[in-house]
C-alpha atoms as a PDB file:
ATOM      1  CA  MET A   1      78.569  39.953  26.666  1.00  0.00           C
ATOM      2  CA  GLY A   2      78.176  42.817  24.250  1.00  0.00           C
ATOM      3  CA  ILE A   3      74.881  44.141  22.986  1.00  0.00           C
ATOM      4  CA  HIS A   4      75.374  42.509  19.589  1.00  0.00           C
ATOM      5  CA  ASP A   5      75.889  39.050  21.130  1.00  0.00           C
ATOM      6  CA  ARG A   6      72.309  38.843  22.355  1.00  0.00           C
ATOM      7  CA  ASP A   7      70.049  36.390  20.575  1.00  0.00           C
ATOM      8  CA  TYR A   8      67.481  38.962  19.560  1.00  0.00           C
ATOM      9  CA  TYR A   9      70.144  40.855  17.596  1.00  0.00           C
ATOM     10  CA  GLN A  10      71.186  37.802  15.643  1.00  0.00           C
ATOM     11  CA  ALA A  11      70.188  37.365  12.029  1.00  0.00           C
ATOM     12  CA  GLY A  12      67.825  34.606  11.142  1.00  0.00           C
ATOM     13  CA  GLU A  13      64.394  33.610  12.225  1.00  0.00           C
ATOM     14  CA  LEU A  14      62.739  35.551  15.002  1.00  0.00           C
ATOM     15  CA  ARG A  15      61.663  33.521  17.962  1.00  0.00           C
ATOM     16  CA  PRO A  16      57.957  33.632  18.737  1.00  0.00           C
ATOM     17  CA  LEU A  17      56.887  36.104  21.382  1.00  0.00           C
ATOM     18  CA  ARG A  18      53.676  34.352  22.376  1.00  0.00           C
ATOM     19  CA  PRO A  19      53.437  30.690  23.394  1.00  0.00           C
ATOM     20  CA  TRP A  20      50.612  29.965  20.935  1.00  0.00           C
ATOM     21  CA  ASP A  21      52.748  31.048  17.958  1.00  0.00           C
ATOM     22  CA  THR A  22      54.583  27.721  18.028  1.00  0.00           C
ATOM     23  CA  LYS A  23      51.435  25.568  18.142  1.00  0.00           C
ATOM     24  CA  SER A  24      49.255  24.618  15.210  1.00  0.00           C
ATOM     25  CA  MET A  25      45.707  25.935  15.122  1.00  0.00           C
ATOM     26  CA  ILE A  26      44.445  22.348  15.297  1.00  0.00           C
ATOM     27  CA  THR A  27      46.262  21.876  18.605  1.00  0.00           C
ATOM     28  CA  LEU A  28      44.925  25.166  19.967  1.00  0.00           C
ATOM     29  CA  LEU A  29      41.333  24.313  18.972  1.00  0.00           C
ATOM     30  CA  ILE A  30      41.581  20.870  20.555  1.00  0.00           C
ATOM     31  CA  ILE A  31      43.048  22.359  23.750  1.00  0.00           C
ATOM     32  CA  ALA A  32      40.256  24.968  23.926  1.00  0.00           C
ATOM     33  CA  ASN A  33      37.530  22.346  23.445  1.00  0.00           C
ATOM     34  CA  VAL A  34      38.998  19.922  25.971  1.00  0.00           C
ATOM     35  CA  MET A  35      39.648  22.661  28.550  1.00  0.00           C
ATOM     36  CA  LEU A  36      36.050  23.900  28.341  1.00  0.00           C
ATOM     37  CA  HIS A  37      34.765  20.333  28.607  1.00  0.00           C
ATOM     38  CA  VAL A  38      36.916  19.620  31.680  1.00  0.00           C
ATOM     39  CA  ALA A  39      35.985  22.971  33.277  1.00  0.00           C
ATOM     40  CA  ASN A  40      32.316  22.277  32.638  1.00  0.00           C
ATOM     41  CA  PHE A  41      32.643  18.828  34.188  1.00  0.00           C
ATOM     42  CA  LEU A  42      34.708  19.843  37.228  1.00  0.00           C
ATOM     43  CA  LEU A  43      33.331  23.271  38.091  1.00  0.00           C
ATOM     44  CA  THR A  44      29.613  22.876  37.536  1.00  0.00           C
ATOM     45  CA  ARG A  45      29.021  19.506  39.196  1.00  0.00           C
ATOM     46  CA  ARG A  46      27.516  18.075  35.993  1.00  0.00           C
ATOM     47  CA  ASP A  47      24.671  20.604  35.798  1.00  0.00           C
ATOM     48  CA  ALA A  48      26.308  21.887  32.589  1.00  0.00           C
ATOM     49  CA  ALA A  49      26.160  25.585  33.491  1.00  0.00           C
ATOM     50  CA  ILE A  50      29.079  26.473  31.207  1.00  0.00           C
ATOM     51  CA  SER A  51      27.684  24.387  28.380  1.00  0.00           C
ATOM     52  CA  ASN A  52      24.220  25.885  28.805  1.00  0.00           C
ATOM     53  CA  PHE A  53      25.601  29.441  28.847  1.00  0.00           C
ATOM     54  CA  PHE A  54      27.516  29.001  25.571  1.00  0.00           C
ATOM     55  CA  ALA A  55      24.896  26.797  23.854  1.00  0.00           C
ATOM     56  CA  LEU A  56      23.024  28.207  20.885  1.00  0.00           C
ATOM     57  CA  GLN A  57      19.225  28.427  21.072  1.00  0.00           C
ATOM     58  CA  PRO A  58      16.814  29.314  18.255  1.00  0.00           C
ATOM     59  CA  GLU A  59      15.717  32.603  19.828  1.00  0.00           C
ATOM     60  CA  ASP A  60      19.350  33.823  19.967  1.00  0.00           C
ATOM     61  CA  ILE A  61      19.149  34.770  16.286  1.00  0.00           C
ATOM     62  CA  ALA A  62      16.661  37.541  17.116  1.00  0.00           C
ATOM     63  CA  ASN A  63      18.752  39.032  19.943  1.00  0.00           C
ATOM     64  CA  PRO A  64      22.030  40.729  18.857  1.00  0.00           C
ATOM     65  CA  LEU A  65      23.397  40.511  22.406  1.00  0.00           C
ATOM     66  CA  GLU A  66      23.327  36.718  22.100  1.00  0.00           C
ATOM     67  CA  TRP A  67      25.109  36.509  18.729  1.00  0.00           C
ATOM     68  CA  PHE A  68      28.381  35.509  20.391  1.00  0.00           C
ATOM     69  CA  ARG A  69      26.742  32.105  20.778  1.00  0.00           C
ATOM     70  CA  LEU A  70      26.853  31.683  16.981  1.00  0.00           C
ATOM     71  CA  VAL A  71      30.510  30.762  17.546  1.00  0.00           C
ATOM     72  CA  SER A  72      30.740  29.801  21.227  1.00  0.00           C
ATOM     73  CA  TYR A  73      28.466  26.754  20.848  1.00  0.00           C
ATOM     74  CA  GLY A  74      31.229  25.068  18.854  1.00  0.00           C
ATOM     75  CA  PHE A  75      33.601  25.035  21.809  1.00  0.00           C
ATOM     76  CA  VAL A  76      31.316  23.327  24.328  1.00  0.00           C
ATOM     77  CA  HIS A  77      30.043  19.773  24.273  1.00  0.00           C
ATOM     78  CA  ASP A  78      27.548  17.815  26.335  1.00  0.00           C
ATOM     79  CA  PRO A  79      29.322  16.861  29.586  1.00  0.00           C
ATOM     80  CA  SER A  80      27.336  13.639  29.897  1.00  0.00           C
ATOM     81  CA  ASN A  81      28.564  12.333  26.516  1.00  0.00           C
ATOM     82  CA  ILE A  82      32.316  12.487  25.998  1.00  0.00           C
ATOM     83  CA  PHE A  83      32.150  10.596  22.680  1.00  0.00           C
ATOM     84  CA  HIS A  84      30.829  13.672  20.863  1.00  0.00           C
ATOM     85  CA  LEU A  85      33.929  15.601  21.904  1.00  0.00           C
ATOM     86  CA  VAL A  86      36.329  12.711  21.268  1.00  0.00           C
ATOM     87  CA  PHE A  87      35.130  11.963  17.740  1.00  0.00           C
ATOM     88  CA  ASN A  88      34.972  15.647  16.767  1.00  0.00           C
ATOM     89  CA  MET A  89      38.523  16.225  17.991  1.00  0.00           C
ATOM     90  CA  LEU A  90      39.883  13.027  16.406  1.00  0.00           C
ATOM     91  CA  THR A  91      38.376  14.006  13.065  1.00  0.00           C
ATOM     92  CA  LEU A  92      39.742  17.520  13.425  1.00  0.00           C
ATOM     93  CA  TYR A  93      43.187  16.158  14.285  1.00  0.00           C
ATOM     94  CA  PHE A  94      43.462  13.567  11.517  1.00  0.00           C
ATOM     95  CA  LEU A  95      41.932  15.587   8.680  1.00  0.00           C
ATOM     96  CA  GLY A  96      42.552  19.137   9.799  1.00  0.00           C
ATOM     97  CA  ARG A  97      46.351  18.988   9.861  1.00  0.00           C
ATOM     98  CA  GLN A  98      46.652  18.745   6.082  1.00  0.00           C
ATOM     99  CA  VAL A  99      43.972  21.408   5.583  1.00  0.00           C
ATOM    100  CA  GLU A 100      45.818  23.747   7.946  1.00  0.00           C
ATOM    101  CA  ASP A 101      49.090  23.055   6.121  1.00  0.00           C
ATOM    102  CA  LYS A 102      47.451  23.968   2.818  1.00  0.00           C
ATOM    103  CA  TYR A 103      45.623  27.129   3.904  1.00  0.00           C
ATOM    104  CA  GLY A 104      47.813  28.362   6.754  1.00  0.00           C
ATOM    105  CA  LYS A 105      47.191  28.738  10.456  1.00  0.00           C
ATOM    106  CA  TRP A 106      45.168  31.954  10.491  1.00  0.00           C
ATOM    107  CA  GLU A 107      43.210  31.255   7.310  1.00  0.00           C
ATOM    108  CA  PHE A 108      42.284  27.871   8.782  1.00  0.00           C
ATOM    109  CA  LEU A 109      40.974  29.643  11.900  1.00  0.00           C
ATOM    110  CA  ARG A 110      38.911  32.003   9.715  1.00  0.00           C
ATOM    111  CA  ILE A 111      37.435  29.056   7.828  1.00  0.00           C
ATOM    112  CA  TYR A 112      36.682  27.202  11.072  1.00  0.00           C
ATOM    113  CA  VAL A 113      34.982  30.182  12.754  1.00  0.00           C
ATOM    114  CA  ALA A 114      33.054  31.063   9.583  1.00  0.00           C
ATOM    115  CA  ALA A 115      31.824  27.453   9.389  1.00  0.00           C
ATOM    116  CA  LEU A 116      30.690  27.619  13.019  1.00  0.00           C
ATOM    117  CA  ALA A 117      28.805  30.856  12.363  1.00  0.00           C
ATOM    118  CA  ILE A 118      27.191  29.683   9.110  1.00  0.00           C
ATOM    119  CA  CYS A 119      26.120  26.350  10.600  1.00  0.00           C
ATOM    120  CA  GLY A 120      24.806  28.122  13.708  1.00  0.00           C
ATOM    121  CA  ILE A 121      22.814  30.634  11.652  1.00  0.00           C
ATOM    122  CA  ALA A 122      21.350  27.883   9.477  1.00  0.00           C
ATOM    123  CA  TRP A 123      20.347  25.824  12.530  1.00  0.00           C
ATOM    124  CA  CYS A 124      18.838  28.866  14.277  1.00  0.00           C
ATOM    125  CA  LEU A 125      16.843  29.936  11.251  1.00  0.00           C
ATOM    126  CA  LEU A 126      15.459  26.439  10.670  1.00  0.00           C
ATOM    127  CA  ARG A 127      14.476  26.068  14.327  1.00  0.00           C
ATOM    128  CA  TYR A 128      13.214  29.645  14.669  1.00  0.00           C
ATOM    129  CA  VAL A 129      10.954  29.386  11.609  1.00  0.00           C
ATOM    130  CA  SER A 130       9.612  25.963  12.576  1.00  0.00           C
ATOM    131  CA  GLY A 131       9.154  26.971  16.226  1.00  0.00           C
ATOM    132  CA  GLU A 132      10.994  23.918  17.511  1.00  0.00           C
ATOM    133  CA  PRO A 133      12.863  24.437  20.797  1.00  0.00           C
ATOM    134  CA  GLY A 134      16.314  23.071  21.423  1.00  0.00           C
ATOM    135  CA  ARG A 135      19.917  23.940  22.044  1.00  0.00           C
ATOM    136  CA  LEU A 136      22.971  23.371  19.912  1.00  0.00           C
ATOM    137  CA  VAL A 137      26.411  22.417  21.241  1.00  0.00           C
ATOM    138  CA  GLY A 138      29.441  20.880  19.585  1.00  0.00           C
ATOM    139  CA  ALA A 139      31.818  21.510  16.734  1.00  0.00           C
ATOM    140  CA  SER A 140      30.271  19.036  14.305  1.00  0.00           C
ATOM    141  CA  GLY A 141      29.396  21.640  11.675  1.00  0.00           C
ATOM    142  CA  ALA A 142      32.895  23.120  11.566  1.00  0.00           C
ATOM    143  CA  VAL A 143      34.537  19.696  11.753  1.00  0.00           C
ATOM    144  CA  THR A 144      32.392  18.508   8.846  1.00  0.00           C
ATOM    145  CA  THR A 145      33.474  21.592   6.909  1.00  0.00           C
ATOM    146  CA  VAL A 146      37.120  20.738   7.610  1.00  0.00           C
ATOM    147  CA  ALA A 147      36.498  17.128   6.544  1.00  0.00           C
ATOM    148  CA  MET A 148      34.910  18.284   3.281  1.00  0.00           C
ATOM    149  CA  LEU A 149      37.782  20.701   2.655  1.00  0.00           C
ATOM    150  CA  PHE A 150      40.143  17.766   3.138  1.00  0.00           C
ATOM    151  CA  VAL A 151      38.216  15.614   0.676  1.00  0.00           C
ATOM    152  CA  PHE A 152      38.038  18.346  -1.964  1.00  0.00           C
ATOM    153  CA  SER A 153      41.653  19.466  -1.445  1.00  0.00           C
ATOM    154  CA  PHE A 154      43.182  15.990  -1.336  1.00  0.00           C
ATOM    155  CA  PRO A 155      40.857  13.655  -3.277  1.00  0.00           C
ATOM    156  CA  ASN A 156      43.529  10.988  -3.780  1.00  0.00           C
ATOM    157  CA  ALA A 157      44.873  11.020  -0.236  1.00  0.00           C
ATOM    158  CA  ILE A 158      44.804   7.852   1.813  1.00  0.00           C
ATOM    159  CA  GLN A 159      44.482   8.077   5.589  1.00  0.00           C
ATOM    160  CA  GLN A 160      46.323   5.273   7.328  1.00  0.00           C
ATOM    161  CA  SER A 161      46.880   4.218  10.883  1.00  0.00           C
ATOM    162  CA  CYS A 162      50.085   2.201  10.736  1.00  0.00           C
ATOM    163  CA  LYS A 163      52.602   1.058  13.275  1.00  0.00           C
ATOM    164  CA  LYS A 164      55.894   1.634  11.467  1.00  0.00           C
ATOM    165  CA  SER A 165      57.887  -0.798  13.570  1.00  0.00           C
ATOM    166  CA  HIS A 166      55.556  -3.699  12.702  1.00  0.00           C
ATOM    167  CA  LYS A 167      54.345  -2.378   9.311  1.00  0.00           C
ATOM    168  CA  ILE A 168      50.779  -3.269  10.246  1.00  0.00           C
ATOM    169  CA  CYS A 169      47.960  -0.979   9.160  1.00  0.00           C
ATOM    170  CA  VAL A 170      44.911  -0.881  11.398  1.00  0.00           C
ATOM    171  CA  TRP A 171      42.903   0.989   8.787  1.00  0.00           C
ATOM    172  CA  SER A 172      43.479   2.539   5.428  1.00  0.00           C
ATOM    173  CA  ILE A 173      40.794   4.792   3.963  1.00  0.00           C
ATOM    174  CA  SER A 174      40.745   6.721   0.705  1.00  0.00           C
ATOM    175  CA  SER A 175      39.422  10.251   1.140  1.00  0.00           C
ATOM    176  CA  TRP A 176      37.236  10.139  -1.958  1.00  0.00           C
END
C-alpha cells in the first residue's frame, strides 16, 4: 500500500475525528440529560446529591462562583420523578430535530444554552427579589424555547405519529 492509497489522502469528504461529530446535537443533549439522571439515581442512593449540586438557587445570582449553575440546572432532573425528564426529552426530540436542521448543530447548541441561561437568570431574579426559597432543575425553559422556535419557524407543519406499514396515525397535531 502506497502513501497515496490511504483513506485520509483520498479526495472527498473528511471523516469525523471525534465521535460526537456524527451525532446530532439533539441526540447529544438527550444522552447528557439521561446519563446525569442515571448517575444521580445510581451513585447517590436517591439523596439527589448530583442534582442538588447542579441545581440553581436564588442566591446563586449574587455569587459569581455559582454562575455555572445558570446552565447546569438544565441537565439535571428530579430523580424521584422521571416524567419530567421523559417529557422534556420527547419534546426536544420531536420538535428539536427540525429546528436543528434549520439553524445548524452548533447554532442550535448556542440557542439552547442561551435559553437555559436567560430562563435561569429570570427565575433567580424573580425569586431573589421576592425572597422566596427554592431550587430549579430541568430543561423546561430551553425545551419551551425550542418548541416556540419550531412553531415560529414551521407554522404550517403537522407533527404525526404514524405507523407506515398500517397507515394508522396515533396523533396528528398542527404546530400553530
